[in-house]
Amino acid sequence: MGKETILKKTLISGEKNSEDIEILYDTGASRSLVEYSLCEKLTQYIIPLQRPLKLKLADGKNTIEANFLVNLYLEINGYKLPMIFYAVNNLARDIILGIDNMQDWEMKIDFKTKEVTLGITPDELFFY
């Protein structure tokens, strides 16, 4: 499977606020990223990393630096899904949903119709 993307309006929320924004679902992104300024609007719980995480961009040459982690919720198919994002400044999109969170929820994306389905739902999770 090649690297594919879609843009899709999705409700994202933290404990302070929610916003319906266009998210880039990117199968070529290894990590999920969020623009730091959006984090400040949605949550007060922004966790600093001990060391910055440098991530390569799609061009394979340039890097972006993440200095924070944040837990946010995306509403997909009626489920409010918890997801962890790396917060960065000057991101091209407010949110890039990477393969890390897609795999956690076993997402399947129909790139023609922009339909997102989940292979696992919160109802199926068991915590021990």
Protein backbone atom coordinates (compact mmCIF):
# COMPACT_ATOMS: atom_id res chain seq x y z
CA MET A 1 0.00 0.00 0.00
CA GLY A 2 1.33 3.44 -0.91
CA LYS A 3 1.16 6.61 1.13
CA GLU A 4 -2.27 8.18 0.79
CA THR A 5 -4.06 11.11 2.36
CA ILE A 6 -7.53 12.55 2.75
CA LEU A 7 -8.82 15.75 4.30
CA LYS A 8 -11.91 15.22 6.43
CA LYS A 9 -13.86 17.43 8.86
CA THR A 10 -13.64 15.80 12.28
CA LEU A 11 -14.64 16.91 15.77
CA ILE A 12 -11.64 17.11 18.09
CA SER A 13 -11.87 17.88 21.77
CA GLY A 14 -9.96 18.29 24.99
CA GLU A 15 -11.30 19.01 28.45
CA LYS A 16 -11.58 22.79 27.73
CA ASN A 17 -13.08 22.95 24.23
CA SER A 18 -14.08 21.17 21.04
CA GLU A 19 -13.58 22.20 17.42
CA ASP A 20 -14.80 20.78 14.14
CA ILE A 21 -11.74 21.05 11.91
CA GLU A 22 -10.34 19.59 8.73
CA ILE A 23 -7.86 16.85 9.62
CA LEU A 24 -5.27 15.37 7.29
CA TYR A 25 -5.44 11.57 7.54
CA ASP A 26 -1.97 10.60 6.31
CA THR A 27 -0.90 6.95 5.96
CA GLY A 28 2.65 8.14 5.25
CA ALA A 29 3.00 9.95 8.58
CA SER A 30 4.50 7.74 11.28
CA ARG A 31 3.32 10.03 14.10
CA SER A 32 0.19 12.06 14.76
CA LEU A 33 0.85 15.79 15.08
CA VAL A 34 -1.15 18.78 16.29
CA GLU A 35 -0.43 22.49 16.01
CA TYR A 36 0.61 23.75 19.45
CA SER A 37 -1.71 26.79 19.32
CA LEU A 38 -4.70 24.46 18.83
CA CYS A 39 -3.65 22.47 21.91
CA GLU A 40 -3.82 25.62 24.00
CA LYS A 41 -7.45 26.15 22.89
CA LEU A 42 -8.51 22.56 23.60
CA THR A 43 -6.65 21.43 26.72
CA GLN A 44 -4.68 22.64 29.71
CA TYR A 45 -2.79 19.34 29.94
CA ILE A 46 0.16 19.79 27.60
CA ILE A 47 3.05 17.56 28.67
CA PRO A 48 6.60 18.71 27.91
CA LEU A 49 8.97 16.08 26.54
CA GLN A 50 12.32 15.60 28.30
CA ARG A 51 14.03 15.92 24.93
CA PRO A 52 12.64 17.28 21.67
CA LEU A 53 11.60 14.65 19.15
CA LYS A 54 12.85 15.35 15.61
CA LEU A 55 10.62 13.98 12.87
CA LYS A 56 11.42 13.84 9.16
CA LEU A 57 8.94 15.52 6.85
CA ALA A 58 7.50 13.92 3.74
CA ASP A 59 10.28 15.38 1.56
CA GLY A 60 12.76 13.17 3.46
CA LYS A 61 15.14 16.10 4.03
CA ASN A 62 13.56 18.60 6.40
CA THR A 63 12.61 17.91 10.01
CA ILE A 64 10.10 19.25 12.49
CA GLU A 65 10.62 19.31 16.22
CA ALA A 66 8.01 18.16 18.75
CA ASN A 67 8.44 19.40 22.30
CA PHE A 68 5.13 18.35 23.84
CA LEU A 69 2.63 15.49 24.09
CA VAL A 70 -1.11 15.94 24.37
CA ASN A 71 -4.10 13.62 24.74
CA LEU A 72 -7.09 14.66 22.62
CA TYR A 73 -10.29 13.00 21.46
CA LEU A 74 -11.46 12.57 17.88
CA GLU A 75 -15.09 11.77 17.17
CA ILE A 76 -15.29 9.12 14.47
CA ASN A 77 -18.43 7.12 13.64
CA GLY A 78 -20.12 8.33 16.83
CA TYR A 79 -17.23 7.27 19.08
CA LYS A 80 -15.06 9.68 21.05
CA LEU A 81 -11.61 8.11 20.61
CA PRO A 82 -8.68 9.04 22.87
CA MET A 83 -5.47 9.67 20.93
CA ILE A 84 -1.99 10.92 21.73
CA PHE A 85 -0.46 13.64 19.56
CA TYR A 86 2.92 15.33 19.40
CA ALA A 87 2.46 19.10 19.58
CA VAL A 88 4.56 21.21 17.22
CA ASN A 89 4.72 24.83 16.10
CA ASN A 90 4.15 25.97 12.52
CA LEU A 91 2.46 22.79 11.31
CA ALA A 92 1.07 23.00 7.76
CA ARG A 93 -2.31 21.65 9.01
CA ASP A 94 -3.91 21.92 12.44
CA ILE A 95 -3.83 18.14 12.77
CA ILE A 96 -2.09 15.34 10.91
CA LEU A 97 -3.46 11.97 11.92
CA GLY A 98 -0.64 9.49 11.44
CA ILE A 99 -0.44 5.75 11.16
CA ASP A 100 0.27 5.42 14.92
CA ASN A 101 -3.31 6.34 15.91
CA MET A 102 -4.81 4.75 12.79
CA GLN A 103 -3.28 1.40 13.75
CA ASP A 104 -4.42 1.70 17.37
CA TRP A 105 -8.03 1.86 16.21
CA GLU A 106 -7.51 -0.42 13.17
CA MET A 107 -8.85 2.31 10.87
CA LYS A 108 -9.71 1.56 7.30
CA ILE A 109 -10.01 4.48 4.93
CA ASP A 110 -11.80 4.47 1.60
CA PHE A 111 -9.82 7.17 -0.18
CA LYS A 112 -12.46 7.60 -2.90
CA THR A 113 -15.44 8.19 -0.59
CA LYS A 114 -13.41 9.51 2.39
CA GLU A 115 -15.20 6.99 4.61
CA VAL A 116 -13.35 6.00 7.78
CA THR A 117 -14.28 2.77 9.56
CA LEU A 118 -12.90 1.36 12.78
CA GLY A 119 -11.73 -2.22 13.22
CA ILE A 120 -12.04 -1.85 16.98
CA THR A 121 -14.35 0.37 19.01
CA PRO A 122 -14.12 1.63 22.60
CA ASP A 123 -16.92 -0.84 23.46
CA GLU A 124 -14.55 -3.70 22.59
CA LEU A 125 -11.66 -2.54 24.76
CA PHE A 126 -10.92 -4.33 27.99
CA PHE A 127 -8.77 -2.84 30.72
CA TYR A 128 -7.11 -5.06 33.30
